[in-house]
PDB file of N, CA and C in Angstrom:
ATOM      1  N   MET A   1     204.030  12.445 170.290  1.00  0.00           N
ATOM      2  CA  MET A   1     204.631  11.919 171.129  1.00  0.00           C
ATOM      3  C   MET A   1     204.123  10.803 172.054  1.00  0.00           C
ATOM      4  N   GLU A   2     205.231   9.599 171.728  1.00  0.00           N
ATOM      5  CA  GLU A   2     204.891   8.454 172.684  1.00  0.00           C
ATOM      6  C   GLU A   2     205.361   8.362 173.922  1.00  0.00           C
ATOM      7  N   VAL A   3     204.788   7.926 174.835  1.00  0.00           N
ATOM      8  CA  VAL A   3     205.108   7.493 176.300  1.00  0.00           C
ATOM      9  C   VAL A   3     205.302   6.420 176.656  1.00  0.00           C
ATOM     10  N   LYS A   4     205.865   5.656 177.263  1.00  0.00           N
ATOM     11  CA  LYS A   4     206.130   4.426 177.271  1.00  0.00           C
ATOM     12  C   LYS A   4     206.122   3.833 179.110  1.00  0.00           C
ATOM     13  N   ALA A   5     206.010   2.733 179.399  1.00  0.00           N
ATOM     14  CA  ALA A   5     206.112   2.161 180.455  1.00  0.00           C
ATOM     15  C   ALA A   5     206.671   0.785 180.713  1.00  0.00           C
ATOM     16  N   LEU A   6     207.306   0.392 181.503  1.00  0.00           N
ATOM     17  CA  LEU A   6     207.965  -0.694 181.565  1.00  0.00           C
ATOM     18  C   LEU A   6     207.334  -1.497 182.764  1.00  0.00           C
ATOM     19  N   ALA A   7     207.439  -2.973 182.798  1.00  0.00           N
ATOM     20  CA  ALA A   7     207.640  -3.575 183.854  1.00  0.00           C
ATOM     21  C   ALA A   7     208.489  -4.901 183.614  1.00  0.00           C
ATOM     22  N   ARG A   8     209.570  -5.321 184.475  1.00  0.00           N
ATOM     23  CA  ARG A   8     210.504  -5.990 184.263  1.00  0.00           C
ATOM     24  C   ARG A   8     210.540  -6.980 185.105  1.00  0.00           C
ATOM     25  N   GLN A   9     210.879  -8.350 184.422  1.00  0.00           N
ATOM     26  CA  GLN A   9     211.055  -9.311 184.793  1.00  0.00           C
ATOM     27  C   GLN A   9     210.028  -9.588 186.123  1.00  0.00           C
ATOM     28  N   VAL A  10     208.796  -9.660 185.370  1.00  0.00           N
ATOM     29  CA  VAL A  10     207.155 -10.031 185.928  1.00  0.00           C
ATOM     30  C   VAL A  10     207.477 -11.574 185.955  1.00  0.00           C
ATOM     31  N   ARG A  11     207.010 -12.260 187.116  1.00  0.00           N
ATOM     32  CA  ARG A  11     206.956 -13.517 186.937  1.00  0.00           C
ATOM     33  C   ARG A  11     205.853 -14.421 186.849  1.00  0.00           C
ATOM     34  N   ILE A  12     205.753 -14.390 185.128  1.00  0.00           N
ATOM     35  CA  ILE A  12     204.596 -15.139 184.227  1.00  0.00           C
ATOM     36  C   ILE A  12     205.232 -15.304 183.331  1.00  0.00           C
ATOM     37  N   SER A  13     204.867 -16.317 182.577  1.00  0.00           N
ATOM     38  CA  SER A  13     205.065 -16.494 180.963  1.00  0.00           C
ATOM     39  C   SER A  13     204.523 -15.623 180.214  1.00  0.00           C
ATOM     40  N   PRO A  14     205.922 -15.072 179.044  1.00  0.00           N
ATOM     41  CA  PRO A  14     205.291 -14.601 178.057  1.00  0.00           C
ATOM     42  C   PRO A  14     203.918 -14.578 177.338  1.00  0.00           C
ATOM     43  N   PHE A  15     203.853 -15.964 177.226  1.00  0.00           N
ATOM     44  CA  PHE A  15     202.679 -16.359 176.617  1.00  0.00           C
ATOM     45  C   PHE A  15     201.272 -16.047 176.710  1.00  0.00           C
ATOM     46  N   LYS A  16     201.280 -16.071 178.087  1.00  0.00           N
ATOM     47  CA  LYS A  16     200.303 -15.596 179.026  1.00  0.00           C
ATOM     48  C   LYS A  16     199.741 -14.492 178.852  1.00  0.00           C
ATOM     49  N   VAL A  17     200.782 -13.434 178.915  1.00  0.00           N
ATOM     50  CA  VAL A  17     200.543 -12.363 178.957  1.00  0.00           C
ATOM     51  C   VAL A  17     199.830 -11.803 177.467  1.00  0.00           C
ATOM     52  N   ARG A  18     200.696 -12.112 176.347  1.00  0.00           N
ATOM     53  CA  ARG A  18     200.319 -11.990 174.887  1.00  0.00           C
ATOM     54  C   ARG A  18     198.977 -12.318 174.781  1.00  0.00           C
ATOM     55  N   GLN A  19     198.443 -13.270 175.349  1.00  0.00           N
ATOM     56  CA  GLN A  19     196.843 -13.639 175.242  1.00  0.00           C
ATOM     57  C   GLN A  19     195.860 -12.018 175.494  1.00  0.00           C
ATOM     58  N   VAL A  20     196.411 -11.178 176.069  1.00  0.00           N
ATOM     59  CA  VAL A  20     195.419 -10.086 176.850  1.00  0.00           C
ATOM     60  C   VAL A  20     195.752  -8.926 175.818  1.00  0.00           C
ATOM     61  N   LEU A  21     197.089  -8.981 175.469  1.00  0.00           N
ATOM     62  CA  LEU A  21     197.551  -7.667 174.844  1.00  0.00           C
ATOM     63  C   LEU A  21     196.878  -7.028 173.557  1.00  0.00           C
ATOM     64  N   PRO A  22     196.319  -7.867 172.704  1.00  0.00           N
ATOM     65  CA  PRO A  22     195.961  -7.841 171.816  1.00  0.00           C
ATOM     66  C   PRO A  22     194.093  -6.834 171.692  1.00  0.00           C
ATOM     67  N   LEU A  23     193.808  -7.077 173.090  1.00  0.00           N
ATOM     68  CA  LEU A  23     192.671  -6.619 173.619  1.00  0.00           C
ATOM     69  C   LEU A  23     192.515  -5.318 173.591  1.00  0.00           C
ATOM     70  N   ILE A  24     193.757  -4.672 173.968  1.00  0.00           N
ATOM     71  CA  ILE A  24     193.427  -3.118 174.258  1.00  0.00           C
ATOM     72  C   ILE A  24     194.514  -2.540 173.040  1.00  0.00           C
ATOM     73  N   ARG A  25     195.579  -2.999 172.227  1.00  0.00           N
ATOM     74  CA  ARG A  25     195.784  -2.235 170.915  1.00  0.00           C
ATOM     75  C   ARG A  25     194.972  -1.403 170.415  1.00  0.00           C
ATOM     76  N   GLY A  26     195.384  -0.147 170.085  1.00  0.00           N
ATOM     77  CA  GLY A  26     194.360   0.780 169.477  1.00  0.00           C
ATOM     78  C   GLY A  26     193.309   1.461 170.493  1.00  0.00           C
ATOM     79  N   LYS A  27     193.182   0.992 171.422  1.00  0.00           N
ATOM     80  CA  LYS A  27     191.834   1.382 171.890  1.00  0.00           C
ATOM     81  C   LYS A  27     192.319   2.702 172.729  1.00  0.00           C
ATOM     82  N   ASN A  28     191.154   3.335 173.331  1.00  0.00           N
ATOM     83  CA  ASN A  28     191.221   4.731 174.311  1.00  0.00           C
ATOM     84  C   ASN A  28     191.719   4.107 175.658  1.00  0.00           C
ATOM     85  N   VAL A  29     192.419   4.699 176.430  1.00  0.00           N
ATOM     86  CA  VAL A  29     193.030   4.190 177.492  1.00  0.00           C
ATOM     87  C   VAL A  29     191.791   3.934 178.615  1.00  0.00           C
ATOM     88  N   ASP A  30     190.834   4.826 178.810  1.00  0.00           N
ATOM     89  CA  ASP A  30     189.544   4.408 179.793  1.00  0.00           C
ATOM     90  C   ASP A  30     189.008   2.906 179.260  1.00  0.00           C
ATOM     91  N   GLU A  31     188.799   3.013 178.059  1.00  0.00           N
ATOM     92  CA  GLU A  31     188.231   1.932 177.346  1.00  0.00           C
ATOM     93  C   GLU A  31     189.286   0.450 177.483  1.00  0.00           C
ATOM     94  N   ALA A  32     190.643   0.751 177.316  1.00  0.00           N
ATOM     95  CA  ALA A  32     191.239  -0.223 177.774  1.00  0.00           C
ATOM     96  C   ALA A  32     191.427  -0.892 179.055  1.00  0.00           C
ATOM     97  N   LEU A  33     191.130  -0.150 179.716  1.00  0.00           N
ATOM     98  CA  LEU A  33     191.365  -0.193 181.497  1.00  0.00           C
ATOM     99  C   LEU A  33     189.917  -0.914 181.846  1.00  0.00           C
ATOM    100  N   MET A  34     188.937  -0.499 181.055  1.00  0.00           N
ATOM    101  CA  MET A  34     187.579  -1.006 181.372  1.00  0.00           C
ATOM    102  C   MET A  34     187.437  -2.733 181.072  1.00  0.00           C
ATOM    103  N   ILE A  35     188.497  -2.751 179.801  1.00  0.00           N
ATOM    104  CA  ILE A  35     188.677  -4.372 179.388  1.00  0.00           C
ATOM    105  C   ILE A  35     189.544  -5.161 180.186  1.00  0.00           C
ATOM    106  N   LEU A  36     190.600  -4.585 180.690  1.00  0.00           N
ATOM    107  CA  LEU A  36     191.344  -5.155 181.465  1.00  0.00           C
ATOM    108  C   LEU A  36     190.729  -5.439 182.860  1.00  0.00           C
ATOM    109  N   ARG A  37     189.909  -4.446 183.565  1.00  0.00           N
ATOM    110  CA  ARG A  37     189.420  -4.790 184.717  1.00  0.00           C
ATOM    111  C   ARG A  37     188.392  -5.794 184.820  1.00  0.00           C
ATOM    112  N   TYR A  38     187.987  -6.329 183.731  1.00  0.00           N
ATOM    113  CA  TYR A  38     186.844  -7.437 183.490  1.00  0.00           C
ATOM    114  C   TYR A  38     187.221  -8.456 182.932  1.00  0.00           C
ATOM    115  N   ASN A  39     188.469  -8.866 182.770  1.00  0.00           N
ATOM    116  CA  ASN A  39     189.479  -9.701 182.055  1.00  0.00           C
ATOM    117  C   ASN A  39     189.319 -10.642 183.403  1.00  0.00           C
ATOM    118  N   PRO A  40     189.378 -11.801 183.696  1.00  0.00           N
ATOM    119  CA  PRO A  40     189.738 -13.026 184.262  1.00  0.00           C
ATOM    120  C   PRO A  40     190.840 -13.302 184.593  1.00  0.00           C
ATOM    121  N   LYS A  41     191.761 -13.253 183.620  1.00  0.00           N
ATOM    122  CA  LYS A  41     193.260 -13.501 183.597  1.00  0.00           C
ATOM    123  C   LYS A  41     193.871 -12.803 184.543  1.00  0.00           C
ATOM    124  N   LYS A  42     194.879 -13.434 185.216  1.00  0.00           N
ATOM    125  CA  LYS A  42     195.912 -12.724 185.751  1.00  0.00           C
ATOM    126  C   LYS A  42     196.787 -11.793 185.436  1.00  0.00           C
ATOM    127  N   SER A  43     197.256 -12.204 183.819  1.00  0.00           N
ATOM    128  CA  SER A  43     198.075 -10.863 183.188  1.00  0.00           C
ATOM    129  C   SER A  43     197.405  -9.687 183.125  1.00  0.00           C
ATOM    130  N   ALA A  44     196.113  -9.839 182.923  1.00  0.00           N
ATOM    131  CA  ALA A  44     195.305  -8.234 182.770  1.00  0.00           C
ATOM    132  C   ALA A  44     195.541  -7.470 184.149  1.00  0.00           C
ATOM    133  N   GLN A  45     195.802  -8.018 184.945  1.00  0.00           N
ATOM    134  CA  GLN A  45     196.057  -7.094 186.040  1.00  0.00           C
ATOM    135  C   GLN A  45     197.277  -6.271 185.895  1.00  0.00           C
ATOM    136  N   ILE A  46     198.247  -7.040 185.802  1.00  0.00           N
ATOM    137  CA  ILE A  46     200.063  -6.456 185.066  1.00  0.00           C
ATOM    138  C   ILE A  46     199.904  -5.468 184.271  1.00  0.00           C
ATOM    139  N   VAL A  47     199.022  -5.996 182.962  1.00  0.00           N
ATOM    140  CA  VAL A  47     198.908  -5.196 182.073  1.00  0.00           C
ATOM    141  C   VAL A  47     198.448  -3.608 182.374  1.00  0.00           C
ATOM    142  N   ALA A  48     197.248  -3.887 183.072  1.00  0.00           N
ATOM    143  CA  ALA A  48     196.523  -2.621 183.850  1.00  0.00           C
ATOM    144  C   ALA A  48     197.142  -1.966 184.293  1.00  0.00           C
ATOM    145  N   LYS A  49     198.295  -2.543 185.331  1.00  0.00           N
ATOM    146  CA  LYS A  49     199.231  -1.384 186.268  1.00  0.00           C
ATOM    147  C   LYS A  49     200.208  -0.830 185.496  1.00  0.00           C
ATOM    148  N   VAL A  50     200.482  -1.452 184.045  1.00  0.00           N
ATOM    149  CA  VAL A  50     201.936  -1.223 183.185  1.00  0.00           C
ATOM    150  C   VAL A  50     201.244   0.244 182.395  1.00  0.00           C
ATOM    151  N   LEU A  51     199.779   0.007 182.043  1.00  0.00           N
ATOM    152  CA  LEU A  51     199.219   0.800 181.523  1.00  0.00           C
ATOM    153  C   LEU A  51     198.858   2.260 182.396  1.00  0.00           C
ATOM    154  N   GLN A  52     198.273   2.320 183.477  1.00  0.00           N
ATOM    155  CA  GLN A  52     198.218   2.974 184.308  1.00  0.00           C
ATOM    156  C   GLN A  52     199.444   4.222 184.421  1.00  0.00           C
ATOM    157  N   SER A  53     200.618   3.216 184.842  1.00  0.00           N
ATOM    158  CA  SER A  53     201.719   3.978 185.008  1.00  0.00           C
ATOM    159  C   SER A  53     202.195   4.689 183.824  1.00  0.00           C
ATOM    160  N   ALA A  54     201.987   4.018 182.564  1.00  0.00           N
ATOM    161  CA  ALA A  54     202.330   4.698 181.217  1.00  0.00           C
ATOM    162  C   ALA A  54     201.213   5.990 181.388  1.00  0.00           C
ATOM    163  N   VAL A  55     200.512   6.182 181.642  1.00  0.00           N
ATOM    164  CA  VAL A  55     199.322   7.470 181.680  1.00  0.00           C
ATOM    165  C   VAL A  55     199.551   8.356 182.478  1.00  0.00           C
ATOM    166  N   ALA A  56     200.191   7.809 183.580  1.00  0.00           N
ATOM    167  CA  ALA A  56     200.908   8.768 185.102  1.00  0.00           C
ATOM    168  C   ALA A  56     202.112   9.232 184.573  1.00  0.00           C
ATOM    169  N   ASN A  57     203.000   8.719 183.414  1.00  0.00           N
ATOM    170  CA  ASN A  57     204.278   9.396 182.788  1.00  0.00           C
ATOM    171  C   ASN A  57     203.941  10.440 182.010  1.00  0.00           C
ATOM    172  N   ALA A  58     202.825   9.941 181.177  1.00  0.00           N
ATOM    173  CA  ALA A  58     202.239  10.933 180.288  1.00  0.00           C
ATOM    174  C   ALA A  58     201.687  12.338 180.849  1.00  0.00           C
ATOM    175  N   GLU A  59     200.921  12.401 181.966  1.00  0.00           N
ATOM    176  CA  GLU A  59     200.374  13.339 182.605  1.00  0.00           C
ATOM    177  C   GLU A  59     201.243  14.160 183.186  1.00  0.00           C
ATOM    178  N   HIS A  60     202.024  13.657 183.893  1.00  0.00           N
ATOM    179  CA  HIS A  60     203.205  13.986 184.944  1.00  0.00           C
ATOM    180  C   HIS A  60     204.542  14.628 183.954  1.00  0.00           C
ATOM    181  N   ASN A  61     204.975  13.630 183.571  1.00  0.00           N
ATOM    182  CA  ASN A  61     206.362  14.144 182.898  1.00  0.00           C
ATOM    183  C   ASN A  61     206.267  15.071 181.742  1.00  0.00           C
ATOM    184  N   PHE A  62     205.162  14.837 180.997  1.00  0.00           N
ATOM    185  CA  PHE A  62     204.665  15.719 179.326  1.00  0.00           C
ATOM    186  C   PHE A  62     203.972  16.439 179.503  1.00  0.00           C
ATOM    187  N   GLY A  63     202.842  16.543 180.441  1.00  0.00           N
ATOM    188  CA  GLY A  63     201.755  17.450 180.620  1.00  0.00           C
ATOM    189  C   GLY A  63     200.525  16.748 179.319  1.00  0.00           C
ATOM    190  N   LEU A  64     200.615  15.640 178.801  1.00  0.00           N
ATOM    191  CA  LEU A  64     199.641  15.147 177.916  1.00  0.00           C
ATOM    192  C   LEU A  64     198.480  15.361 178.835  1.00  0.00           C
ATOM    193  N   ASP A  65     197.191  15.465 178.048  1.00  0.00           N
ATOM    194  CA  ASP A  65     195.845  15.554 178.198  1.00  0.00           C
ATOM    195  C   ASP A  65     195.429  14.021 178.651  1.00  0.00           C
ATOM    196  N   THR A  66     195.002  13.128 179.526  1.00  0.00           N
ATOM    197  CA  THR A  66     194.696  11.908 179.851  1.00  0.00           C
ATOM    198  C   THR A  66     193.473  11.556 178.994  1.00  0.00           C
ATOM    199  N   ASP A  67     192.352  12.234 178.762  1.00  0.00           N
ATOM    200  CA  ASP A  67     191.379  12.124 177.974  1.00  0.00           C
ATOM    201  C   ASP A  67     191.286  11.684 176.201  1.00  0.00           C
ATOM    202  N   LYS A  68     192.306  12.193 175.951  1.00  0.00           N
ATOM    203  CA  LYS A  68     193.089  12.069 174.284  1.00  0.00           C
ATOM    204  C   LYS A  68     194.104  10.954 174.410  1.00  0.00           C
ATOM    205  N   LEU A  69     194.800  10.040 175.408  1.00  0.00           N
ATOM    206  CA  LEU A  69     195.371   9.338 175.174  1.00  0.00           C
ATOM    207  C   LEU A  69     194.834   7.869 174.675  1.00  0.00           C
ATOM    208  N   LYS A  70     196.082   7.160 174.114  1.00  0.00           N
ATOM    209  CA  LYS A  70     195.257   6.137 173.075  1.00  0.00           C
ATOM    210  C   LYS A  70     196.624   5.140 173.117  1.00  0.00           C
ATOM    211  N   VAL A  71     196.411   3.882 173.315  1.00  0.00           N
ATOM    212  CA  VAL A  71     197.204   2.504 173.505  1.00  0.00           C
ATOM    213  C   VAL A  71     198.010   2.526 171.985  1.00  0.00           C
ATOM    214  N   VAL A  72     199.174   3.000 171.956  1.00  0.00           N
ATOM    215  CA  VAL A  72     199.779   2.487 170.455  1.00  0.00           C
ATOM    216  C   VAL A  72     200.364   1.633 170.269  1.00  0.00           C
ATOM    217  N   SER A  73     200.814   0.735 171.188  1.00  0.00           N
ATOM    218  CA  SER A  73     201.406  -0.470 171.255  1.00  0.00           C
ATOM    219  C   SER A  73     201.708  -1.217 172.639  1.00  0.00           C
ATOM    220  N   ALA A  74     201.651  -2.443 172.692  1.00  0.00           N
ATOM    221  CA  ALA A  74     201.782  -3.180 173.870  1.00  0.00           C
ATOM    222  C   ALA A  74     202.490  -4.518 173.539  1.00  0.00           C
ATOM    223  N   THR A  75     203.733  -4.875 174.121  1.00  0.00           N
ATOM    224  CA  THR A  75     204.173  -6.074 174.002  1.00  0.00           C
ATOM    225  C   THR A  75     204.662  -6.685 175.112  1.00  0.00           C
ATOM    226  N   ALA A  76     204.991  -8.186 174.907  1.00  0.00           N
ATOM    227  CA  ALA A  76     205.539  -8.793 176.446  1.00  0.00           C
ATOM    228  C   ALA A  76     206.824  -9.901 175.610  1.00  0.00           C
ATOM    229  N   ASP A  77     207.742  -9.429 176.043  1.00  0.00           N
ATOM    230  CA  ASP A  77     209.187 -10.076 175.457  1.00  0.00           C
ATOM    231  C   ASP A  77     209.522 -10.879 176.847  1.00  0.00           C
ATOM    232  N   GLN A  78     210.235 -12.163 176.150  1.00  0.00           N
ATOM    233  CA  GLN A  78     211.131 -13.056 177.473  1.00  0.00           C
ATOM    234  C   GLN A  78     211.962 -12.294 178.270  1.00  0.00           C
ATOM    235  N   GLY A  79     211.799 -12.343 179.794  1.00  0.00           N
ATOM    236  CA  GLY A  79     212.454 -12.076 180.544  1.00  0.00           C
ATOM    237  C   GLY A  79     213.858 -13.163 180.893  1.00  0.00           C
ATOM    238  N   PRO A  80     214.521 -13.052 181.663  1.00  0.00           N
ATOM    239  CA  PRO A  80     215.571 -14.596 182.192  1.00  0.00           C
ATOM    240  C   PRO A  80     214.375 -15.326 183.081  1.00  0.00           C
ATOM    241  N   SER A  81     214.816 -16.598 182.746  1.00  0.00           N
ATOM    242  CA  SER A  81     214.356 -17.866 183.153  1.00  0.00           C
ATOM    243  C   SER A  81     215.244 -18.195 184.315  1.00  0.00           C
ATOM    244  N   MET A  82     214.404 -18.747 185.323  1.00  0.00           N
ATOM    245  CA  MET A  82     214.823 -19.086 186.575  1.00  0.00           C
ATOM    246  C   MET A  82     214.779 -20.612 186.662  1.00  0.00           C
ATOM    247  N   LYS A  83     216.043 -21.344 186.602  1.00  0.00           N
ATOM    248  CA  LYS A  83     216.404 -22.782 186.391  1.00  0.00           C
ATOM    249  C   LYS A  83     216.020 -23.422 187.866  1.00  0.00           C
ATOM    250  N   ARG A  84     214.932 -24.498 187.581  1.00  0.00           N
ATOM    251  CA  ARG A  84     214.708 -25.094 189.237  1.00  0.00           C
ATOM    252  C   ARG A  84     214.536 -26.578 189.134  1.00  0.00           C
ATOM    253  N   TRP A  85     214.740 -27.563 189.732  1.00  0.00           N
ATOM    254  CA  TRP A  85     214.553 -28.734 190.251  1.00  0.00           C
ATOM    255  C   TRP A  85     213.379 -29.341 190.699  1.00  0.00           C
ATOM    256  N   ARG A  86     212.545 -30.145 190.210  1.00  0.00           N
ATOM    257  CA  ARG A  86     211.335 -30.830 191.193  1.00  0.00           C
ATOM    258  C   ARG A  86     211.912 -32.099 190.904  1.00  0.00           C
ATOM    259  N   PRO A  87     211.919 -32.632 192.511  1.00  0.00           N
ATOM    260  CA  PRO A  87     211.937 -33.955 193.218  1.00  0.00           C
ATOM    261  C   PRO A  87     210.873 -34.817 192.633  1.00  0.00           C
ATOM    262  N   VAL A  88     211.213 -36.170 192.232  1.00  0.00           N
ATOM    263  CA  VAL A  88     210.325 -37.074 191.407  1.00  0.00           C
ATOM    264  C   VAL A  88     210.738 -38.643 192.098  1.00  0.00           C
ATOM    265  N   SER A  89     210.190 -39.471 191.679  1.00  0.00           N
ATOM    266  CA  SER A  89     210.416 -40.540 192.382  1.00  0.00           C
ATOM    267  C   SER A  89     211.621 -41.221 192.011  1.00  0.00           C
ATOM    268  N   MET A  90     211.799 -42.228 192.917  1.00  0.00           N
ATOM    269  CA  MET A  90     213.424 -43.141 193.243  1.00  0.00           C
ATOM    270  C   MET A  90     214.191 -42.232 192.742  1.00  0.00           C
ATOM    271  N   GLY A  91     214.496 -40.872 193.539  1.00  0.00           N
ATOM    272  CA  GLY A  91     215.684 -40.061 193.996  1.00  0.00           C
ATOM    273  C   GLY A  91     216.012 -39.086 192.854  1.00  0.00           C
ATOM    274  N   ARG A  92     214.898 -38.901 191.508  1.00  0.00           N
ATOM    275  CA  ARG A  92     215.423 -38.158 190.831  1.00  0.00           C
ATOM    276  C   ARG A  92     215.206 -36.968 190.792  1.00  0.00           C
ATOM    277  N   ALA A  93     215.285 -36.063 189.940  1.00  0.00           N
ATOM    278  CA  ALA A  93     214.929 -34.677 189.875  1.00  0.00           C
ATOM    279  C   ALA A  93     214.821 -34.347 188.046  1.00  0.00           C
ATOM    280  N   HIS A  94     213.472 -33.843 187.992  1.00  0.00           N
ATOM    281  CA  HIS A  94     213.301 -33.279 186.581  1.00  0.00           C
ATOM    282  C   HIS A  94     213.447 -31.705 186.346  1.00  0.00           C
ATOM    283  N   PRO A  95     214.261 -30.720 185.932  1.00  0.00           N
ATOM    284  CA  PRO A  95     214.248 -29.838 185.518  1.00  0.00           C
ATOM    285  C   PRO A  95     212.759 -28.836 185.171  1.00  0.00           C
ATOM    286  N   TYR A  96     212.884 -27.805 185.464  1.00  0.00           N
ATOM    287  CA  TYR A  96     211.604 -26.649 185.047  1.00  0.00           C
ATOM    288  C   TYR A  96     212.324 -25.434 184.661  1.00  0.00           C
ATOM    289  N   ARG A  97     211.450 -24.513 184.115  1.00  0.00           N
ATOM    290  CA  ARG A  97     211.681 -23.182 184.497  1.00  0.00           C
ATOM    291  C   ARG A  97     210.937 -22.596 184.737  1.00  0.00           C
ATOM    292  N   HIS A  98     210.659 -21.266 185.751  1.00  0.00           N
ATOM    293  CA  HIS A  98     210.270 -20.306 185.947  1.00  0.00           C
ATOM    294  C   HIS A  98     210.478 -18.906 185.013  1.00  0.00           C
ATOM    295  N   ARG A  99     209.146 -18.700 184.439  1.00  0.00           N
ATOM    296  CA  ARG A  99     209.526 -17.940 183.275  1.00  0.00           C
ATOM    297  C   ARG A  99     209.474 -16.600 183.534  1.00  0.00           C
ATOM    298  N   THR A 100     209.833 -15.224 183.155  1.00  0.00           N
ATOM    299  CA  THR A 100     209.793 -14.081 183.483  1.00  0.00           C
ATOM    300  C   THR A 100     209.653 -13.198 182.060  1.00  0.00           C
ATOM    301  N   THR A 101     208.693 -12.207 182.507  1.00  0.00           N
ATOM    302  CA  THR A 101     208.572 -11.370 181.273  1.00  0.00           C
ATOM    303  C   THR A 101     208.783 -10.225 181.196  1.00  0.00           C
ATOM    304  N   HIS A 102     209.311  -9.222 180.127  1.00  0.00           N
ATOM    305  CA  HIS A 102     209.368  -7.899 180.155  1.00  0.00           C
ATOM    306  C   HIS A 102     208.255  -7.342 179.616  1.00  0.00           C
ATOM    307  N   VAL A 103     207.004  -6.552 179.894  1.00  0.00           N
ATOM    308  CA  VAL A 103     205.918  -5.894 179.706  1.00  0.00           C
ATOM    309  C   VAL A 103     205.978  -4.282 179.266  1.00  0.00           C
ATOM    310  N   THR A 104     205.710  -3.844 178.026  1.00  0.00           N
ATOM    311  CA  THR A 104     205.852  -2.588 177.572  1.00  0.00           C
ATOM    312  C   THR A 104     204.646  -2.167 177.318  1.00  0.00           C
ATOM    313  N   VAL A 105     204.178  -1.093 177.299  1.00  0.00           N
ATOM    314  CA  VAL A 105     203.077  -0.291 177.008  1.00  0.00           C
ATOM    315  C   VAL A 105     202.849   1.035 176.728  1.00  0.00           C
ATOM    316  N   LYS A 106     203.001   1.628 175.178  1.00  0.00           N
ATOM    317  CA  LYS A 106     203.182   2.671 174.816  1.00  0.00           C
ATOM    318  C   LYS A 106     201.973   3.528 174.780  1.00  0.00           C
ATOM    319  N   VAL A 107     201.676   4.874 174.874  1.00  0.00           N
ATOM    320  CA  VAL A 107     200.620   5.796 174.718  1.00  0.00           C
ATOM    321  C   VAL A 107     200.618   6.928 174.316  1.00  0.00           C
ATOM    322  N   ALA A 108     199.692   7.593 173.224  1.00  0.00           N
ATOM    323  CA  ALA A 108     200.222   8.979 172.564  1.00  0.00           C
ATOM    324  C   ALA A 108     198.560   9.023 172.339  1.00  0.00           C
ATOM    325  N   GLU A 109     198.895  10.800 172.211  1.00  0.00           N
ATOM    326  CA  GLU A 109     197.588  11.609 172.123  1.00  0.00           C
ATOM    327  C   GLU A 109     196.813  11.031 170.711  1.00  0.00           C
ATOM    328  N   ARG A 110     195.829  11.188 170.318  1.00  0.00           N
ATOM    329  CA  ARG A 110     195.078  10.851 169.211  1.00  0.00           C
ATOM    330  C   ARG A 110     195.234  12.122 168.452  1.00  0.00           C
TER     331      ARG A 110
END
């Protein structure tokens, strides 16, 4: 049985989150949390929070043993982008986008 947790519309680029996800795929939950705790990237904290939520869902909603849980899959999909304008010289403006991410983590018993 797979249990998942989602974090939707997180204010960080999907590219930055995808740099962290391969580090935890296929690992035990405890090992994955240790890897994320000592990773200096901002996205590691976000993924760790989603992973802890997935573990809590597995324990409370389905009664699974947390010591036997393993990260089955972790994905970061693009969410909606907020379009903004930055003022530049001579009264002009350049467009830019604040990108958002949907982070999904699935765990299952070994």
